Amino acid sequence: MIGFGFTPKNILLNGELIVPKHSIKFLGTWIQSDLRFTQQSMELQNRIRSSAARIRCEGRHFDISDKRLLYFGWVQGLLSSHASTTLPCLPDSELMNLQVACNAAIRAVVGLPRYGKTPISSIRKKLCIPSIINLRDRRLFETAWLQFANNLPVSGGGPLTRAQKNLKLPHPNQKGYNGRMISTKLISAWNDLPLVIKQDTSRSSAFCKIRKYVYKF
């Protein structure tokens, strides 16, 4: 039993005492009473660090290109499954912690020590590995294009504004819980897309342009 916005009292059911919890795990996702993803983020960090250890151990006889494949299978695949659900809802501090965990896996790919000052960002770009922010933005842009590219509201006439010319949607309310909703973030992502991508009618072409627009490598 979990309460959202309040703490429920204990319930006695058929002689069993049911004590409320602040979080539960359902279908692999942590649901918290404050509607945040703190525990989900921590679990992701732990799994990424575990993958980094596996790359370092099981890939010790591989070259960098083979260990890069392990990264995309064990780390990037895990992040991709959360890119359009969990990552957009995380604050900057938790995104940074996830990136630090990914940096540990990148160190394992290139055979660097676990600790020490190293330009990980430049190494990541050289290996064409997207950052957490890049991965989140790409998935948001792709989902926004799928949802709005062919379903824009029809103009009711009148003068053509600059926003209408750029195919922008009315800016959503981002206060409180509305700001953490995926639907809100998709509208913002659509408004941030370049016009040439919004006007593209081909999914494969639009996704290719989005990838180049976000990754820049």
C-alpha atoms as a PDB file:
ATOM      1  CA  MET A   1       0.000   0.000   0.000  1.00  0.00           C
ATOM      2  CA  ILE A   2       1.294   3.416  -0.964  1.00  0.00           C
ATOM      3  CA  GLY A   3      -0.189   6.896  -0.628  1.00  0.00           C
ATOM      4  CA  PHE A   4       0.445   9.810  -2.984  1.00  0.00           C
ATOM      5  CA  GLY A   5       0.472  13.179  -1.249  1.00  0.00           C
ATOM      6  CA  PHE A   6      -0.400  11.661   2.137  1.00  0.00           C
ATOM      7  CA  THR A   7       0.607   8.818   4.432  1.00  0.00           C
ATOM      8  CA  PRO A   8      -2.202   6.263   4.874  1.00  0.00           C
ATOM      9  CA  LYS A   9      -2.798   4.506   8.170  1.00  0.00           C
ATOM     10  CA  ASN A  10      -2.111   0.848   8.779  1.00  0.00           C
ATOM     11  CA  ILE A  11      -4.861  -1.517   7.632  1.00  0.00           C
ATOM     12  CA  LEU A  12      -5.808  -4.805   9.275  1.00  0.00           C
ATOM     13  CA  LEU A  13      -7.103  -7.173   6.582  1.00  0.00           C
ATOM     14  CA  ASN A  14      -8.067 -10.790   7.381  1.00  0.00           C
ATOM     15  CA  GLY A  15      -5.821 -10.717  10.414  1.00  0.00           C
ATOM     16  CA  GLU A  16      -2.835  -9.388   8.439  1.00  0.00           C
ATOM     17  CA  LEU A  17      -1.421  -5.956   9.218  1.00  0.00           C
ATOM     18  CA  ILE A  18      -0.682  -3.954   6.036  1.00  0.00           C
ATOM     19  CA  VAL A  19       1.859  -1.188   6.644  1.00  0.00           C
ATOM     20  CA  PRO A  20       2.119   1.595   4.025  1.00  0.00           C
ATOM     21  CA  LYS A  21       5.373   2.061   2.146  1.00  0.00           C
ATOM     22  CA  HIS A  22       6.991   5.104   0.597  1.00  0.00           C
ATOM     23  CA  SER A  23       7.967   3.172  -2.543  1.00  0.00           C
ATOM     24  CA  ILE A  24       7.107  -0.057  -4.342  1.00  0.00           C
ATOM     25  CA  LYS A  25       8.536  -1.851  -7.348  1.00  0.00           C
ATOM     26  CA  PHE A  26       6.082  -2.728 -10.114  1.00  0.00           C
ATOM     27  CA  LEU A  27       7.119  -4.338 -13.429  1.00  0.00           C
ATOM     28  CA  GLY A  28      10.737  -3.342 -12.881  1.00  0.00           C
ATOM     29  CA  THR A  29       9.983   0.325 -12.086  1.00  0.00           C
ATOM     30  CA  TRP A  30      10.201   1.977  -8.685  1.00  0.00           C
ATOM     31  CA  ILE A  31       7.058   3.986  -7.870  1.00  0.00           C
ATOM     32  CA  GLN A  32       7.609   6.516  -5.072  1.00  0.00           C
ATOM     33  CA  SER A  33       5.027   8.348  -2.996  1.00  0.00           C
ATOM     34  CA  ASP A  34       6.561  11.705  -4.011  1.00  0.00           C
ATOM     35  CA  LEU A  35       6.317  10.744  -7.725  1.00  0.00           C
ATOM     36  CA  ARG A  36      10.061  11.044  -8.223  1.00  0.00           C
ATOM     37  CA  PHE A  37      12.505   8.530  -9.725  1.00  0.00           C
ATOM     38  CA  THR A  38      15.263   8.705  -7.118  1.00  0.00           C
ATOM     39  CA  GLN A  39      15.367   4.968  -6.444  1.00  0.00           C
ATOM     40  CA  GLN A  40      15.049   4.137 -10.129  1.00  0.00           C
ATOM     41  CA  SER A  41      18.012   6.411 -10.829  1.00  0.00           C
ATOM     42  CA  MET A  42      20.086   4.774  -8.076  1.00  0.00           C
ATOM     43  CA  GLU A  43      19.269   1.325  -9.432  1.00  0.00           C
ATOM     44  CA  LEU A  44      20.326   2.438 -12.922  1.00  0.00           C
ATOM     45  CA  GLN A  45      23.605   3.760 -11.540  1.00  0.00           C
ATOM     46  CA  ASN A  46      24.322   0.483  -9.755  1.00  0.00           C
ATOM     47  CA  ARG A  47      23.543  -1.584 -12.865  1.00  0.00           C
ATOM     48  CA  ILE A  48      25.747   0.646 -15.031  1.00  0.00           C
ATOM     49  CA  ARG A  49      28.644   0.343 -12.583  1.00  0.00           C
ATOM     50  CA  SER A  50      28.120  -3.411 -12.527  1.00  0.00           C
ATOM     51  CA  SER A  51      28.303  -3.410 -16.337  1.00  0.00           C
ATOM     52  CA  ALA A  52      31.480  -1.342 -16.157  1.00  0.00           C
ATOM     53  CA  ALA A  53      33.036  -4.004 -13.926  1.00  0.00           C
ATOM     54  CA  ARG A  54      31.944  -6.722 -16.368  1.00  0.00           C
ATOM     55  CA  ILE A  55      33.516  -4.840 -19.290  1.00  0.00           C
ATOM     56  CA  ARG A  56      36.743  -4.466 -17.333  1.00  0.00           C
ATOM     57  CA  CYS A  57      36.797  -8.135 -16.288  1.00  0.00           C
ATOM     58  CA  GLU A  58      35.288 -10.072 -19.193  1.00  0.00           C
ATOM     59  CA  GLY A  59      36.664  -7.762 -21.866  1.00  0.00           C
ATOM     60  CA  ARG A  60      40.229  -7.600 -20.586  1.00  0.00           C
ATOM     61  CA  HIS A  61      41.528  -9.494 -23.642  1.00  0.00           C
ATOM     62  CA  PHE A  62      39.398  -7.519 -26.151  1.00  0.00           C
ATOM     63  CA  ASP A  63      40.440  -4.484 -28.115  1.00  0.00           C
ATOM     64  CA  ILE A  64      38.698  -1.115 -27.744  1.00  0.00           C
ATOM     65  CA  SER A  65      36.289  -1.682 -30.634  1.00  0.00           C
ATOM     66  CA  ASP A  66      35.039  -4.946 -29.101  1.00  0.00           C
ATOM     67  CA  LYS A  67      34.709  -3.408 -25.635  1.00  0.00           C
ATOM     68  CA  ARG A  68      32.789  -0.530 -27.213  1.00  0.00           C
ATOM     69  CA  LEU A  69      30.288  -3.106 -28.466  1.00  0.00           C
ATOM     70  CA  LEU A  70      29.985  -4.418 -24.909  1.00  0.00           C
ATOM     71  CA  TYR A  71      29.290  -0.857 -23.733  1.00  0.00           C
ATOM     72  CA  PHE A  72      26.476  -0.420 -26.245  1.00  0.00           C
ATOM     73  CA  GLY A  73      24.993  -3.777 -25.299  1.00  0.00           C
ATOM     74  CA  TRP A  74      25.261  -3.582 -21.504  1.00  0.00           C
ATOM     75  CA  VAL A  75      25.119   0.162 -20.789  1.00  0.00           C
ATOM     76  CA  GLN A  76      23.622   1.940 -23.785  1.00  0.00           C
ATOM     77  CA  GLY A  77      20.864  -0.634 -24.141  1.00  0.00           C
ATOM     78  CA  LEU A  78      19.925  -0.195 -20.491  1.00  0.00           C
ATOM     79  CA  LEU A  79      19.792   3.590 -20.849  1.00  0.00           C
ATOM     80  CA  SER A  80      17.848   3.429 -24.106  1.00  0.00           C
ATOM     81  CA  SER A  81      15.048   1.512 -22.405  1.00  0.00           C
ATOM     82  CA  HIS A  82      14.665   4.434 -19.963  1.00  0.00           C
ATOM     83  CA  ALA A  83      15.424   7.290 -22.385  1.00  0.00           C
ATOM     84  CA  SER A  84      11.814   8.304 -23.039  1.00  0.00           C
ATOM     85  CA  THR A  85      10.368   7.501 -19.600  1.00  0.00           C
ATOM     86  CA  THR A  86      12.792   7.890 -16.675  1.00  0.00           C
ATOM     87  CA  LEU A  87      15.561  10.145 -17.998  1.00  0.00           C
ATOM     88  CA  PRO A  88      13.298  13.110 -18.920  1.00  0.00           C
ATOM     89  CA  CYS A  89      11.944  13.164 -15.359  1.00  0.00           C
ATOM     90  CA  LEU A  90      15.314  13.234 -13.585  1.00  0.00           C
ATOM     91  CA  PRO A  91      16.823  16.463 -12.200  1.00  0.00           C
ATOM     92  CA  ASP A  92      20.250  17.629 -13.332  1.00  0.00           C
ATOM     93  CA  SER A  93      21.959  16.236 -10.213  1.00  0.00           C
ATOM     94  CA  GLU A  94      20.736  12.690 -10.862  1.00  0.00           C
ATOM     95  CA  LEU A  95      21.567  12.951 -14.573  1.00  0.00           C
ATOM     96  CA  MET A  96      25.082  13.951 -13.573  1.00  0.00           C
ATOM     97  CA  ASN A  97      25.359  10.919 -11.267  1.00  0.00           C
ATOM     98  CA  LEU A  98      24.263   8.673 -14.135  1.00  0.00           C
ATOM     99  CA  GLN A  99      26.867  10.257 -16.394  1.00  0.00           C
ATOM    100  CA  VAL A 100      29.565   9.630 -13.787  1.00  0.00           C
ATOM    101  CA  ALA A 101      28.527   5.966 -13.714  1.00  0.00           C
ATOM    102  CA  CYS A 102      28.706   5.845 -17.525  1.00  0.00           C
ATOM    103  CA  ASN A 103      32.156   7.439 -17.370  1.00  0.00           C
ATOM    104  CA  ALA A 104      33.293   4.464 -15.278  1.00  0.00           C
ATOM    105  CA  ALA A 105      32.174   2.176 -18.108  1.00  0.00           C
ATOM    106  CA  ILE A 106      33.954   4.360 -20.695  1.00  0.00           C
ATOM    107  CA  ARG A 107      37.137   4.114 -18.597  1.00  0.00           C
ATOM    108  CA  ALA A 108      36.771   0.342 -18.744  1.00  0.00           C
ATOM    109  CA  VAL A 109      36.362   0.453 -22.533  1.00  0.00           C
ATOM    110  CA  VAL A 110      39.632   2.316 -23.119  1.00  0.00           C
ATOM    111  CA  GLY A 111      41.484   0.579 -20.280  1.00  0.00           C
ATOM    112  CA  LEU A 112      41.969   3.611 -18.035  1.00  0.00           C
ATOM    113  CA  PRO A 113      42.333   3.385 -14.250  1.00  0.00           C
ATOM    114  CA  ARG A 114      39.132   3.653 -12.251  1.00  0.00           C
ATOM    115  CA  TYR A 115      40.160   7.013 -10.796  1.00  0.00           C
ATOM    116  CA  GLY A 116      42.195   9.979 -12.001  1.00  0.00           C
ATOM    117  CA  LYS A 117      41.863  13.129 -14.066  1.00  0.00           C
ATOM    118  CA  THR A 118      41.117  12.202 -17.660  1.00  0.00           C
ATOM    119  CA  PRO A 119      39.225  14.106 -20.408  1.00  0.00           C
ATOM    120  CA  ILE A 120      36.366  11.587 -20.529  1.00  0.00           C
ATOM    121  CA  SER A 121      34.168  13.896 -22.638  1.00  0.00           C
ATOM    122  CA  SER A 122      36.687  14.020 -25.472  1.00  0.00           C
ATOM    123  CA  ILE A 123      37.236  10.239 -25.252  1.00  0.00           C
ATOM    124  CA  ARG A 124      33.475   9.687 -25.382  1.00  0.00           C
ATOM    125  CA  LYS A 125      33.121  11.864 -28.492  1.00  0.00           C
ATOM    126  CA  LYS A 126      36.061  10.105 -30.146  1.00  0.00           C
ATOM    127  CA  LEU A 127      34.325   6.761 -29.564  1.00  0.00           C
ATOM    128  CA  CYS A 128      30.995   8.241 -30.822  1.00  0.00           C
ATOM    129  CA  ILE A 129      29.274   7.421 -27.551  1.00  0.00           C
ATOM    130  CA  PRO A 130      26.410   9.810 -26.718  1.00  0.00           C
ATOM    131  CA  SER A 131      26.111  11.386 -23.290  1.00  0.00           C
ATOM    132  CA  ILE A 132      23.103  10.956 -21.024  1.00  0.00           C
ATOM    133  CA  ILE A 133      21.757  14.359 -22.090  1.00  0.00           C
ATOM    134  CA  ASN A 134      22.265  13.532 -25.780  1.00  0.00           C
ATOM    135  CA  LEU A 135      20.457  10.225 -25.435  1.00  0.00           C
ATOM    136  CA  ARG A 136      17.546  11.787 -23.550  1.00  0.00           C
ATOM    137  CA  ASP A 137      17.163  14.668 -26.018  1.00  0.00           C
ATOM    138  CA  ARG A 138      17.326  12.395 -29.049  1.00  0.00           C
ATOM    139  CA  ARG A 139      14.577  10.128 -27.743  1.00  0.00           C
ATOM    140  CA  LEU A 140      12.391  13.097 -26.766  1.00  0.00           C
ATOM    141  CA  PHE A 141      12.824  14.664 -30.212  1.00  0.00           C
ATOM    142  CA  GLU A 142      12.003  11.387 -31.963  1.00  0.00           C
ATOM    143  CA  THR A 143       8.913  10.777 -29.842  1.00  0.00           C
ATOM    144  CA  ALA A 144       7.775  14.386 -30.299  1.00  0.00           C
ATOM    145  CA  TRP A 145       8.174  14.096 -34.086  1.00  0.00           C
ATOM    146  CA  LEU A 146       6.128  10.881 -34.136  1.00  0.00           C
ATOM    147  CA  GLN A 147       3.366  12.499 -32.105  1.00  0.00           C
ATOM    148  CA  PHE A 148       3.115  15.949 -33.690  1.00  0.00           C
ATOM    149  CA  ALA A 149       4.566  15.843 -37.207  1.00  0.00           C
ATOM    150  CA  ASN A 150       1.291  14.726 -38.778  1.00  0.00           C
ATOM    151  CA  ASN A 151      -1.105  15.853 -36.034  1.00  0.00           C
ATOM    152  CA  LEU A 152      -0.606  19.607 -35.782  1.00  0.00           C
ATOM    153  CA  PRO A 153      -3.736  21.666 -34.999  1.00  0.00           C
ATOM    154  CA  VAL A 154      -5.323  23.384 -37.995  1.00  0.00           C
ATOM    155  CA  SER A 155      -5.016  27.159 -37.993  1.00  0.00           C
ATOM    156  CA  GLY A 156      -8.311  28.978 -37.526  1.00  0.00           C
ATOM    157  CA  GLY A 157      -7.365  31.837 -39.808  1.00  0.00           C
ATOM    158  CA  GLY A 158      -6.113  35.295 -38.954  1.00  0.00           C
ATOM    159  CA  PRO A 159      -2.581  36.662 -39.239  1.00  0.00           C
ATOM    160  CA  LEU A 160       0.293  34.179 -39.350  1.00  0.00           C
ATOM    161  CA  THR A 161       2.417  34.609 -36.244  1.00  0.00           C
ATOM    162  CA  ARG A 162       6.103  33.787 -35.958  1.00  0.00           C
ATOM    163  CA  ALA A 163       5.310  30.774 -33.766  1.00  0.00           C
ATOM    164  CA  GLN A 164       2.781  29.417 -36.268  1.00  0.00           C
ATOM    165  CA  LYS A 165       5.261  29.914 -39.088  1.00  0.00           C
ATOM    166  CA  ASN A 166       7.777  27.788 -37.173  1.00  0.00           C
ATOM    167  CA  LEU A 167       5.058  25.161 -36.431  1.00  0.00           C
ATOM    168  CA  LYS A 168       5.318  25.708 -32.684  1.00  0.00           C
ATOM    169  CA  LEU A 169       2.677  24.542 -30.225  1.00  0.00           C
ATOM    170  CA  PRO A 170       1.364  26.634 -27.297  1.00  0.00           C
ATOM    171  CA  HIS A 171       3.895  26.472 -24.483  1.00  0.00           C
ATOM    172  CA  PRO A 172       2.666  24.106 -21.728  1.00  0.00           C
ATOM    173  CA  ASN A 173       2.376  24.895 -18.042  1.00  0.00           C
ATOM    174  CA  GLN A 174       5.578  23.623 -16.408  1.00  0.00           C
ATOM    175  CA  LYS A 175       4.771  24.378 -12.778  1.00  0.00           C
ATOM    176  CA  GLY A 176       4.601  21.608 -10.197  1.00  0.00           C
ATOM    177  CA  TYR A 177       3.884  18.087 -11.391  1.00  0.00           C
ATOM    178  CA  ASN A 178       2.931  19.358 -14.861  1.00  0.00           C
ATOM    179  CA  GLY A 179       6.568  20.174 -15.488  1.00  0.00           C
ATOM    180  CA  ARG A 180       7.588  16.551 -14.926  1.00  0.00           C
ATOM    181  CA  MET A 181       4.991  15.025 -17.233  1.00  0.00           C
ATOM    182  CA  ILE A 182       6.256  13.417 -20.445  1.00  0.00           C
ATOM    183  CA  SER A 183       3.496  15.124 -22.464  1.00  0.00           C
ATOM    184  CA  THR A 184       4.772  18.519 -21.289  1.00  0.00           C
ATOM    185  CA  LYS A 185       8.347  17.682 -22.185  1.00  0.00           C
ATOM    186  CA  LEU A 186       7.314  16.400 -25.632  1.00  0.00           C
ATOM    187  CA  ILE A 187       5.681  19.733 -26.502  1.00  0.00           C
ATOM    188  CA  SER A 188       8.805  21.586 -25.390  1.00  0.00           C
ATOM    189  CA  ALA A 189      10.972  19.188 -27.413  1.00  0.00           C
ATOM    190  CA  TRP A 190       8.836  19.711 -30.523  1.00  0.00           C
ATOM    191  CA  ASN A 191       9.112  23.491 -30.188  1.00  0.00           C
ATOM    192  CA  ASP A 192      12.901  23.198 -29.945  1.00  0.00           C
ATOM    193  CA  LEU A 193      13.223  21.159 -33.149  1.00  0.00           C
ATOM    194  CA  PRO A 194      14.491  22.969 -36.261  1.00  0.00           C
ATOM    195  CA  LEU A 195      11.809  23.726 -38.836  1.00  0.00           C
ATOM    196  CA  VAL A 196      13.484  21.558 -41.489  1.00  0.00           C
ATOM    197  CA  ILE A 197      13.010  18.490 -39.265  1.00  0.00           C
ATOM    198  CA  LYS A 198       9.409  19.368 -38.414  1.00  0.00           C
ATOM    199  CA  GLN A 199       8.554  19.605 -42.118  1.00  0.00           C
ATOM    200  CA  ASP A 200      10.208  16.294 -43.017  1.00  0.00           C
ATOM    201  CA  THR A 201       7.603  13.711 -44.052  1.00  0.00           C
ATOM    202  CA  SER A 202       9.876  10.660 -43.852  1.00  0.00           C
ATOM    203  CA  ARG A 203      10.423   9.010 -40.490  1.00  0.00           C
ATOM    204  CA  SER A 204      13.845   7.584 -41.355  1.00  0.00           C
ATOM    205  CA  SER A 205      15.011  10.918 -42.790  1.00  0.00           C
ATOM    206  CA  ALA A 206      13.702  12.892 -39.806  1.00  0.00           C
ATOM    207  CA  PHE A 207      15.314  10.505 -37.310  1.00  0.00           C
ATOM    208  CA  CYS A 208      18.630  10.735 -39.164  1.00  0.00           C
ATOM    209  CA  LYS A 209      18.489  14.535 -39.015  1.00  0.00           C
ATOM    210  CA  ILE A 210      17.593  14.416 -35.330  1.00  0.00           C
ATOM    211  CA  ARG A 211      20.568  12.162 -34.630  1.00  0.00           C
ATOM    212  CA  LYS A 212      22.954  14.547 -36.396  1.00  0.00           C
ATOM    213  CA  TYR A 213      21.328  17.545 -34.736  1.00  0.00           C
ATOM    214  CA  VAL A 214      21.735  16.084 -31.229  1.00  0.00           C
ATOM    215  CA  TYR A 215      24.955  14.088 -31.396  1.00  0.00           C
ATOM    216  CA  LYS A 216      27.047  16.338 -33.681  1.00  0.00           C
ATOM    217  CA  PHE A 217      29.492  13.508 -34.447  1.00  0.00           C
END
